[in-house]
Amino acid sequence: MDLRGRAFLSVHRLRILLMLFHTMAQIMAEQEVENLSGLSTNPEKDIFVVRENGTTCLMAEFAAKFIVPYDVWASNYVDLITEQADIALTRGAEVNGRCGSSESELQVFWVDRAYALKMLFLKESHNTSKGPEATWRLSKVQFVYDSAEKTHFKDAVSAGKSYECQAQQTISLASSDPQKTVTMILSAVHIQPFDIISDFVFSEEHKCPVDEREQLEETLPLILGLILGLVIVVTLVIYHIHHKMTANQVQIPRDRSEYKHMG
């Protein structure tokens, strides 16, 4: 009985150690992140990479700015007026993240953690005519800020709040105060939270409708210019051929007196 009891305790301790090891491994995986914003030629764009077991599992490039309304006292110290803070995501931000087979997350903190941006990505499978197809979406955006931070908030009345929404294509973050909406402005975005084949290499991109429309607006004048130039060239060639053929034709005299000079 004593040996069995000791064996049971050893197995139990081993399980606990394995669970602790697994938990620590997950924590260490979450900490394998890099801020590579210094590599960007755009001073407003940030680059974040999340690694798991030495393999890149999430890459994100974007520039972000938040427009946050907040209350301050009016000059009479009785009424409240609304001011606006423009908060840009700065370089050198602290970044955390985690990856999973169907769920990934990116967390960015800056200005001594006074501001925090959290983005949750979900991978979904859909049945199509060609078979199962996997897609991903940005399912949740959370922006937390501290209005006691003096760089962007001047004499704010209340403390920091948390804004959250189920984001798909919107960049307006609704708050508990229906009269105030935080606007999140993203630009130069290139994100891949799943299925990264090689480090620092994005897969083939799926362009947003705005980018496709702008690309069409840029290329359409060029296409029309090429077509117009081709039409002009063809017209000139036809005119040249017609003129040459007309010049080589024998001119038949209209006056009978001119016949004697022929032959």
C-alpha atoms as a PDB file:
ATOM      1  CA  MET A   1       0.000   0.000   0.000  1.00  0.00           C
ATOM      2  CA  ASP A   2       2.831   2.336   0.800  1.00  0.00           C
ATOM      3  CA  LEU A   3       4.495   1.745  -2.557  1.00  0.00           C
ATOM      4  CA  ARG A   4       1.201   2.214  -4.384  1.00  0.00           C
ATOM      5  CA  GLY A   5       0.566   5.415  -2.458  1.00  0.00           C
ATOM      6  CA  ARG A   6       4.022   6.725  -3.299  1.00  0.00           C
ATOM      7  CA  ALA A   7       3.576   5.762  -6.951  1.00  0.00           C
ATOM      8  CA  PHE A   8       0.224   7.551  -7.040  1.00  0.00           C
ATOM      9  CA  LEU A   9       1.751  10.695  -5.524  1.00  0.00           C
ATOM     10  CA  SER A  10       4.637  10.584  -8.012  1.00  0.00           C
ATOM     11  CA  VAL A  11       2.235  10.316 -10.952  1.00  0.00           C
ATOM     12  CA  HIS A  12       0.118  13.119  -9.504  1.00  0.00           C
ATOM     13  CA  ARG A  13       3.163  15.352  -9.060  1.00  0.00           C
ATOM     14  CA  LEU A  14       4.319  14.518 -12.575  1.00  0.00           C
ATOM     15  CA  ARG A  15       0.951  15.588 -13.963  1.00  0.00           C
ATOM     16  CA  ILE A  16       1.139  18.852 -12.026  1.00  0.00           C
ATOM     17  CA  LEU A  17       4.659  19.490 -13.322  1.00  0.00           C
ATOM     18  CA  LEU A  18       3.546  18.758 -16.887  1.00  0.00           C
ATOM     19  CA  MET A  19       0.618  21.140 -16.518  1.00  0.00           C
ATOM     20  CA  LEU A  20       2.906  23.832 -15.136  1.00  0.00           C
ATOM     21  CA  PHE A  21       5.388  23.230 -17.939  1.00  0.00           C
ATOM     22  CA  HIS A  22       2.616  23.459 -20.526  1.00  0.00           C
ATOM     23  CA  THR A  23       1.344  26.689 -18.974  1.00  0.00           C
ATOM     24  CA  MET A  24       4.843  28.187 -18.873  1.00  0.00           C
ATOM     25  CA  ALA A  25       5.404  27.166 -22.486  1.00  0.00           C
ATOM     26  CA  GLN A  26       2.216  28.981 -23.495  1.00  0.00           C
ATOM     27  CA  ILE A  27       3.287  32.060 -21.554  1.00  0.00           C
ATOM     28  CA  MET A  28       6.713  32.003 -23.170  1.00  0.00           C
ATOM     29  CA  ALA A  29       5.081  31.627 -26.590  1.00  0.00           C
ATOM     30  CA  GLU A  30       2.985  34.721 -25.936  1.00  0.00           C
ATOM     31  CA  GLN A  31       6.131  36.682 -25.130  1.00  0.00           C
ATOM     32  CA  GLU A  32       7.860  35.857 -28.409  1.00  0.00           C
ATOM     33  CA  VAL A  33       7.019  39.142 -30.085  1.00  0.00           C
ATOM     34  CA  GLU A  34       8.991  41.800 -31.952  1.00  0.00           C
ATOM     35  CA  ASN A  35       8.443  45.453 -32.765  1.00  0.00           C
ATOM     36  CA  LEU A  36      10.143  45.994 -36.126  1.00  0.00           C
ATOM     37  CA  SER A  37       8.768  49.477 -36.768  1.00  0.00           C
ATOM     38  CA  GLY A  38      12.293  50.791 -37.252  1.00  0.00           C
ATOM     39  CA  LEU A  39      12.463  48.861 -40.535  1.00  0.00           C
ATOM     40  CA  SER A  40       9.557  50.799 -42.031  1.00  0.00           C
ATOM     41  CA  THR A  41      10.311  53.698 -44.369  1.00  0.00           C
ATOM     42  CA  ASN A  42       6.994  55.256 -43.340  1.00  0.00           C
ATOM     43  CA  PRO A  43       7.537  57.022 -39.988  1.00  0.00           C
ATOM     44  CA  GLU A  44       3.840  56.656 -39.148  1.00  0.00           C
ATOM     45  CA  LYS A  45       3.620  52.922 -39.839  1.00  0.00           C
ATOM     46  CA  ASP A  46       4.368  50.211 -37.294  1.00  0.00           C
ATOM     47  CA  ILE A  47       5.419  46.604 -37.921  1.00  0.00           C
ATOM     48  CA  PHE A  48       4.654  43.876 -35.382  1.00  0.00           C
ATOM     49  CA  VAL A  49       5.592  40.190 -35.498  1.00  0.00           C
ATOM     50  CA  VAL A  50       4.422  37.398 -33.210  1.00  0.00           C
ATOM     51  CA  ARG A  51       6.445  34.187 -33.051  1.00  0.00           C
ATOM     52  CA  GLU A  52       5.582  30.839 -31.592  1.00  0.00           C
ATOM     53  CA  ASN A  53       8.310  28.241 -31.112  1.00  0.00           C
ATOM     54  CA  GLY A  54      10.616  30.345 -33.275  1.00  0.00           C
ATOM     55  CA  THR A  55       8.161  30.474 -36.168  1.00  0.00           C
ATOM     56  CA  THR A  56       6.355  33.615 -37.245  1.00  0.00           C
ATOM     57  CA  CYS A  57       2.615  33.133 -36.800  1.00  0.00           C
ATOM     58  CA  LEU A  58       1.283  36.719 -37.058  1.00  0.00           C
ATOM     59  CA  MET A  59       2.509  39.769 -38.957  1.00  0.00           C
ATOM     60  CA  ALA A  60       0.894  43.193 -38.958  1.00  0.00           C
ATOM     61  CA  GLU A  61       1.806  46.480 -40.622  1.00  0.00           C
ATOM     62  CA  PHE A  62      -0.374  49.551 -40.148  1.00  0.00           C
ATOM     63  CA  ALA A  63      -0.552  53.167 -39.068  1.00  0.00           C
ATOM     64  CA  ALA A  64      -3.155  53.939 -36.422  1.00  0.00           C
ATOM     65  CA  LYS A  65      -4.614  57.110 -34.933  1.00  0.00           C
ATOM     66  CA  PHE A  66      -7.478  57.510 -32.476  1.00  0.00           C
ATOM     67  CA  ILE A  67      -9.744  60.536 -32.190  1.00  0.00           C
ATOM     68  CA  VAL A  68     -11.155  60.562 -28.661  1.00  0.00           C
ATOM     69  CA  PRO A  69     -13.724  63.086 -27.357  1.00  0.00           C
ATOM     70  CA  TYR A  70     -13.507  63.988 -23.660  1.00  0.00           C
ATOM     71  CA  ASP A  71     -15.090  66.452 -21.234  1.00  0.00           C
ATOM     72  CA  VAL A  72     -13.424  69.476 -19.654  1.00  0.00           C
ATOM     73  CA  TRP A  73     -14.791  72.237 -17.446  1.00  0.00           C
ATOM     74  CA  ALA A  74     -15.886  75.429 -19.140  1.00  0.00           C
ATOM     75  CA  SER A  75     -14.501  78.765 -17.999  1.00  0.00           C
ATOM     76  CA  ASN A  76     -17.359  79.136 -15.491  1.00  0.00           C
ATOM     77  CA  TYR A  77     -16.446  75.766 -13.920  1.00  0.00           C
ATOM     78  CA  VAL A  78     -20.124  74.820 -14.045  1.00  0.00           C
ATOM     79  CA  ASP A  79     -20.719  73.597 -17.580  1.00  0.00           C
ATOM     80  CA  LEU A  80     -18.896  70.847 -19.408  1.00  0.00           C
ATOM     81  CA  ILE A  81     -17.560  71.212 -22.928  1.00  0.00           C
ATOM     82  CA  THR A  82     -16.189  68.515 -25.210  1.00  0.00           C
ATOM     83  CA  GLU A  83     -12.628  68.584 -26.444  1.00  0.00           C
ATOM     84  CA  GLN A  84     -10.917  66.151 -28.813  1.00  0.00           C
ATOM     85  CA  ALA A  85      -7.668  64.221 -28.348  1.00  0.00           C
ATOM     86  CA  ASP A  86      -5.726  62.923 -31.360  1.00  0.00           C
ATOM     87  CA  ILE A  87      -3.734  59.901 -30.219  1.00  0.00           C
ATOM     88  CA  ALA A  88      -1.317  58.285 -32.673  1.00  0.00           C
ATOM     89  CA  LEU A  89       0.254  54.882 -32.219  1.00  0.00           C
ATOM     90  CA  THR A  90       3.923  55.691 -31.665  1.00  0.00           C
ATOM     91  CA  ARG A  91       7.044  53.733 -32.482  1.00  0.00           C
ATOM     92  CA  GLY A  92       8.693  51.830 -29.708  1.00  0.00           C
ATOM     93  CA  ALA A  93       5.365  50.515 -28.463  1.00  0.00           C
ATOM     94  CA  GLU A  94       5.258  47.425 -26.287  1.00  0.00           C
ATOM     95  CA  VAL A  95       3.641  44.460 -28.018  1.00  0.00           C
ATOM     96  CA  ASN A  96       2.202  41.142 -26.849  1.00  0.00           C
ATOM     97  CA  GLY A  97       0.426  38.481 -28.835  1.00  0.00           C
ATOM     98  CA  ARG A  98      -0.643  34.903 -29.153  1.00  0.00           C
ATOM     99  CA  CYS A  99      -1.425  32.541 -31.998  1.00  0.00           C
ATOM    100  CA  GLY A 100      -3.756  29.608 -32.348  1.00  0.00           C
ATOM    101  CA  SER A 101      -5.172  27.380 -35.029  1.00  0.00           C
ATOM    102  CA  SER A 102      -8.382  29.427 -35.222  1.00  0.00           C
ATOM    103  CA  GLU A 103      -7.800  32.453 -32.997  1.00  0.00           C
ATOM    104  CA  SER A 104      -4.959  34.979 -32.806  1.00  0.00           C
ATOM    105  CA  GLU A 105      -4.542  38.187 -30.853  1.00  0.00           C
ATOM    106  CA  LEU A 106      -2.334  41.266 -31.038  1.00  0.00           C
ATOM    107  CA  GLN A 107      -1.925  43.662 -28.117  1.00  0.00           C
ATOM    108  CA  VAL A 108      -0.067  46.963 -28.359  1.00  0.00           C
ATOM    109  CA  PHE A 109       0.711  49.314 -25.458  1.00  0.00           C
ATOM    110  CA  TRP A 110       2.336  52.749 -25.563  1.00  0.00           C
ATOM    111  CA  VAL A 111       3.057  55.809 -23.379  1.00  0.00           C
ATOM    112  CA  ASP A 112       3.687  53.747 -20.235  1.00  0.00           C
ATOM    113  CA  ARG A 113       0.616  51.607 -20.939  1.00  0.00           C
ATOM    114  CA  ALA A 114      -1.696  54.617 -20.819  1.00  0.00           C
ATOM    115  CA  TYR A 115      -3.029  53.394 -24.168  1.00  0.00           C
ATOM    116  CA  ALA A 116      -3.744  49.824 -25.223  1.00  0.00           C
ATOM    117  CA  LEU A 117      -4.986  48.463 -28.542  1.00  0.00           C
ATOM    118  CA  LYS A 118      -6.189  44.864 -28.693  1.00  0.00           C
ATOM    119  CA  MET A 119      -7.146  43.139 -31.943  1.00  0.00           C
ATOM    120  CA  LEU A 120      -8.662  39.657 -32.080  1.00  0.00           C
ATOM    121  CA  PHE A 121      -8.618  37.619 -35.299  1.00  0.00           C
ATOM    122  CA  LEU A 122     -10.766  34.570 -36.018  1.00  0.00           C
ATOM    123  CA  LYS A 123     -10.242  31.939 -38.677  1.00  0.00           C
ATOM    124  CA  GLU A 124     -13.396  30.426 -40.141  1.00  0.00           C
ATOM    125  CA  SER A 125     -14.110  27.637 -42.593  1.00  0.00           C
ATOM    126  CA  HIS A 126     -16.817  27.886 -45.249  1.00  0.00           C
ATOM    127  CA  ASN A 127     -18.115  25.314 -47.700  1.00  0.00           C
ATOM    128  CA  THR A 128     -17.876  26.475 -51.298  1.00  0.00           C
ATOM    129  CA  SER A 129     -18.393  24.882 -54.693  1.00  0.00           C
ATOM    130  CA  LYS A 130     -14.658  24.143 -54.735  1.00  0.00           C
ATOM    131  CA  GLY A 131     -14.741  22.571 -51.275  1.00  0.00           C
ATOM    132  CA  PRO A 132     -13.914  23.927 -47.784  1.00  0.00           C
ATOM    133  CA  GLU A 133     -12.342  27.381 -47.830  1.00  0.00           C
ATOM    134  CA  ALA A 134     -10.703  29.094 -44.864  1.00  0.00           C
ATOM    135  CA  THR A 135     -10.999  32.843 -44.322  1.00  0.00           C
ATOM    136  CA  TRP A 136     -10.167  35.113 -41.428  1.00  0.00           C
ATOM    137  CA  ARG A 137     -11.654  38.312 -40.065  1.00  0.00           C
ATOM    138  CA  LEU A 138     -10.933  40.958 -37.483  1.00  0.00           C
ATOM    139  CA  SER A 139     -13.618  40.015 -34.983  1.00  0.00           C
ATOM    140  CA  LYS A 140     -12.925  42.386 -32.116  1.00  0.00           C
ATOM    141  CA  VAL A 141     -11.167  45.696 -31.500  1.00  0.00           C
ATOM    142  CA  GLN A 142     -10.642  47.123 -28.044  1.00  0.00           C
ATOM    143  CA  PHE A 143      -9.008  50.448 -27.286  1.00  0.00           C
ATOM    144  CA  VAL A 144      -8.336  51.362 -23.658  1.00  0.00           C
ATOM    145  CA  TYR A 145      -7.027  54.774 -22.707  1.00  0.00           C
ATOM    146  CA  ASP A 146      -6.305  56.741 -19.553  1.00  0.00           C
ATOM    147  CA  SER A 147      -7.587  60.306 -19.770  1.00  0.00           C
ATOM    148  CA  ALA A 148      -5.381  61.203 -16.818  1.00  0.00           C
ATOM    149  CA  GLU A 149      -2.439  61.050 -19.252  1.00  0.00           C
ATOM    150  CA  LYS A 150      -1.485  64.701 -19.729  1.00  0.00           C
ATOM    151  CA  THR A 151       0.171  64.556 -23.154  1.00  0.00           C
ATOM    152  CA  HIS A 152      -3.079  64.251 -25.086  1.00  0.00           C
ATOM    153  CA  PHE A 153      -5.741  65.041 -22.482  1.00  0.00           C
ATOM    154  CA  LYS A 154      -5.765  68.567 -21.103  1.00  0.00           C
ATOM    155  CA  ASP A 155      -7.646  68.876 -17.807  1.00  0.00           C
ATOM    156  CA  ALA A 156      -9.999  65.954 -18.510  1.00  0.00           C
ATOM    157  CA  VAL A 157     -12.854  65.632 -16.020  1.00  0.00           C
ATOM    158  CA  SER A 158     -13.246  61.843 -15.778  1.00  0.00           C
ATOM    159  CA  ALA A 159     -10.802  58.939 -15.660  1.00  0.00           C
ATOM    160  CA  GLY A 160      -9.999  56.501 -18.452  1.00  0.00           C
ATOM    161  CA  LYS A 161     -12.631  54.399 -20.228  1.00  0.00           C
ATOM    162  CA  SER A 162     -12.715  51.248 -22.288  1.00  0.00           C
ATOM    163  CA  TYR A 163     -14.150  51.198 -25.816  1.00  0.00           C
ATOM    164  CA  GLU A 164     -15.073  47.980 -27.548  1.00  0.00           C
ATOM    165  CA  CYS A 165     -16.909  46.848 -30.677  1.00  0.00           C
ATOM    166  CA  GLN A 166     -17.378  43.805 -32.876  1.00  0.00           C
ATOM    167  CA  ALA A 167     -15.312  45.229 -35.718  1.00  0.00           C
ATOM    168  CA  GLN A 168     -15.593  44.056 -39.302  1.00  0.00           C
ATOM    169  CA  GLN A 169     -15.150  47.008 -41.641  1.00  0.00           C
ATOM    170  CA  THR A 170     -16.073  49.816 -39.296  1.00  0.00           C
ATOM    171  CA  ILE A 171     -13.506  51.934 -37.491  1.00  0.00           C
ATOM    172  CA  SER A 172     -15.910  53.695 -35.137  1.00  0.00           C
ATOM    173  CA  LEU A 173     -15.654  52.344 -31.598  1.00  0.00           C
ATOM    174  CA  ALA A 174     -18.872  52.723 -29.624  1.00  0.00           C
ATOM    175  CA  SER A 175     -18.648  53.559 -25.943  1.00  0.00           C
ATOM    176  CA  SER A 176     -20.921  53.392 -22.926  1.00  0.00           C
ATOM    177  CA  ASP A 177     -21.650  57.075 -23.551  1.00  0.00           C
ATOM    178  CA  PRO A 178     -23.864  57.207 -26.685  1.00  0.00           C
ATOM    179  CA  GLN A 179     -22.926  60.841 -27.254  1.00  0.00           C
ATOM    180  CA  LYS A 180     -19.256  60.077 -27.655  1.00  0.00           C
ATOM    181  CA  THR A 181     -17.662  57.842 -30.281  1.00  0.00           C
ATOM    182  CA  VAL A 182     -13.968  57.061 -30.573  1.00  0.00           C
ATOM    183  CA  THR A 183     -12.757  56.984 -34.167  1.00  0.00           C
ATOM    184  CA  MET A 184      -9.976  54.571 -35.082  1.00  0.00           C
ATOM    185  CA  ILE A 185      -8.144  55.463 -38.284  1.00  0.00           C
ATOM    186  CA  LEU A 186      -6.089  52.694 -39.900  1.00  0.00           C
ATOM    187  CA  SER A 187      -3.928  53.157 -42.980  1.00  0.00           C
ATOM    188  CA  ALA A 188      -1.167  51.292 -44.809  1.00  0.00           C
ATOM    189  CA  VAL A 189      -2.593  48.062 -43.406  1.00  0.00           C
ATOM    190  CA  HIS A 190      -1.089  44.669 -44.189  1.00  0.00           C
ATOM    191  CA  ILE A 191      -2.002  41.936 -41.712  1.00  0.00           C
ATOM    192  CA  GLN A 192      -1.781  38.154 -41.745  1.00  0.00           C
ATOM    193  CA  PRO A 193      -2.702  36.431 -38.474  1.00  0.00           C
ATOM    194  CA  PHE A 194      -2.713  32.814 -39.724  1.00  0.00           C
ATOM    195  CA  ASP A 195      -0.921  30.383 -42.035  1.00  0.00           C
ATOM    196  CA  ILE A 196       2.362  32.243 -42.514  1.00  0.00           C
ATOM    197  CA  ILE A 197       4.606  30.082 -44.674  1.00  0.00           C
ATOM    198  CA  SER A 198       7.903  31.963 -44.317  1.00  0.00           C
ATOM    199  CA  ASP A 199       9.271  34.622 -41.969  1.00  0.00           C
ATOM    200  CA  PHE A 200       8.575  38.207 -43.024  1.00  0.00           C
ATOM    201  CA  VAL A 201       6.761  37.069 -46.178  1.00  0.00           C
ATOM    202  CA  PHE A 202       3.074  37.834 -46.582  1.00  0.00           C
ATOM    203  CA  SER A 203       0.908  35.523 -48.630  1.00  0.00           C
ATOM    204  CA  GLU A 204      -0.932  36.823 -51.691  1.00  0.00           C
ATOM    205  CA  GLU A 205      -2.974  39.762 -50.536  1.00  0.00           C
ATOM    206  CA  HIS A 206      -6.726  40.210 -50.815  1.00  0.00           C
ATOM    207  CA  LYS A 207      -7.177  43.899 -51.565  1.00  0.00           C
ATOM    208  CA  CYS A 208      -9.995  45.840 -49.987  1.00  0.00           C
ATOM    209  CA  PRO A 209     -12.641  47.372 -52.303  1.00  0.00           C
ATOM    210  CA  VAL A 210     -11.274  50.871 -51.698  1.00  0.00           C
ATOM    211  CA  ASP A 211      -7.793  49.853 -52.858  1.00  0.00           C
ATOM    212  CA  GLU A 212      -9.209  48.115 -55.936  1.00  0.00           C
ATOM    213  CA  ARG A 213     -11.256  51.188 -56.831  1.00  0.00           C
ATOM    214  CA  GLU A 214      -8.297  53.533 -56.356  1.00  0.00           C
ATOM    215  CA  GLN A 215      -6.083  51.242 -58.431  1.00  0.00           C
ATOM    216  CA  LEU A 216      -8.703  51.270 -61.197  1.00  0.00           C
ATOM    217  CA  GLU A 217      -8.900  55.059 -61.038  1.00  0.00           C
ATOM    218  CA  GLU A 218      -5.120  55.250 -61.383  1.00  0.00           C
ATOM    219  CA  THR A 219      -4.802  52.770 -64.239  1.00  0.00           C
ATOM    220  CA  LEU A 220      -7.926  53.786 -66.198  1.00  0.00           C
ATOM    221  CA  PRO A 221      -6.439  57.071 -67.530  1.00  0.00           C
ATOM    222  CA  LEU A 222      -3.310  55.162 -68.575  1.00  0.00           C
ATOM    223  CA  ILE A 223      -5.389  52.540 -70.401  1.00  0.00           C
ATOM    224  CA  LEU A 224      -7.480  55.217 -72.123  1.00  0.00           C
ATOM    225  CA  GLY A 225      -4.306  57.075 -73.082  1.00  0.00           C
ATOM    226  CA  LEU A 226      -2.821  53.927 -74.607  1.00  0.00           C
ATOM    227  CA  ILE A 227      -6.035  53.238 -76.527  1.00  0.00           C
ATOM    228  CA  LEU A 228      -6.160  56.822 -77.796  1.00  0.00           C
ATOM    229  CA  GLY A 229      -2.509  56.647 -78.858  1.00  0.00           C
ATOM    230  CA  LEU A 230      -3.150  53.361 -80.667  1.00  0.00           C
ATOM    231  CA  VAL A 231      -6.136  54.877 -82.488  1.00  0.00           C
ATOM    232  CA  ILE A 232      -4.020  57.850 -83.589  1.00  0.00           C
ATOM    233  CA  VAL A 233      -1.237  55.571 -84.857  1.00  0.00           C
ATOM    234  CA  VAL A 234      -3.671  53.368 -86.785  1.00  0.00           C
ATOM    235  CA  THR A 235      -5.334  56.466 -88.271  1.00  0.00           C
ATOM    236  CA  LEU A 236      -1.983  57.860 -89.398  1.00  0.00           C
ATOM    237  CA  VAL A 237      -0.989  54.516 -90.968  1.00  0.00           C
ATOM    238  CA  ILE A 238      -4.270  54.262 -92.862  1.00  0.00           C
ATOM    239  CA  TYR A 239      -3.937  57.854 -94.042  1.00  0.00           C
ATOM    240  CA  HIS A 240      -0.354  57.240 -95.203  1.00  0.00           C
ATOM    241  CA  ILE A 241      -1.310  54.081 -97.119  1.00  0.00           C
ATOM    242  CA  HIS A 242      -4.304  55.801 -98.704  1.00  0.00           C
ATOM    243  CA  HIS A 243      -2.237  58.819 -99.674  1.00  0.00           C
ATOM    244  CA  LYS A 244       0.464  56.604-101.232  1.00  0.00           C
ATOM    245  CA  MET A 245      -2.073  54.576-103.206  1.00  0.00           C
ATOM    246  CA  THR A 246      -3.766  57.737-104.460  1.00  0.00           C
ATOM    247  CA  ALA A 247      -0.448  59.242-105.570  1.00  0.00           C
ATOM    248  CA  ASN A 248       0.432  56.099-107.602  1.00  0.00           C
ATOM    249  CA  GLN A 249      -2.862  56.039-109.544  1.00  0.00           C
ATOM    250  CA  VAL A 250      -2.791  57.189-113.269  1.00  0.00           C
ATOM    251  CA  GLN A 251      -4.615  60.462-113.700  1.00  0.00           C
ATOM    252  CA  ILE A 252      -7.102  60.233-116.632  1.00  0.00           C
ATOM    253  CA  PRO A 253      -7.288  63.553-118.552  1.00  0.00           C
ATOM    254  CA  ARG A 254     -10.656  65.195-118.468  1.00  0.00           C
ATOM    255  CA  ASP A 255      -9.973  67.383-121.582  1.00  0.00           C
ATOM    256  CA  ARG A 256      -9.823  65.520-124.916  1.00  0.00           C
ATOM    257  CA  SER A 257      -7.051  67.826-126.091  1.00  0.00           C
ATOM    258  CA  GLU A 258      -4.758  66.249-123.578  1.00  0.00           C
ATOM    259  CA  TYR A 259      -5.025  62.776-125.188  1.00  0.00           C
ATOM    260  CA  LYS A 260      -2.553  63.719-127.900  1.00  0.00           C
ATOM    261  CA  HIS A 261       0.141  64.104-125.367  1.00  0.00           C
ATOM    262  CA  MET A 262      -0.374  60.520-124.160  1.00  0.00           C
ATOM    263  CA  GLY A 263       1.341  57.437-125.609  1.00  0.00           C
END
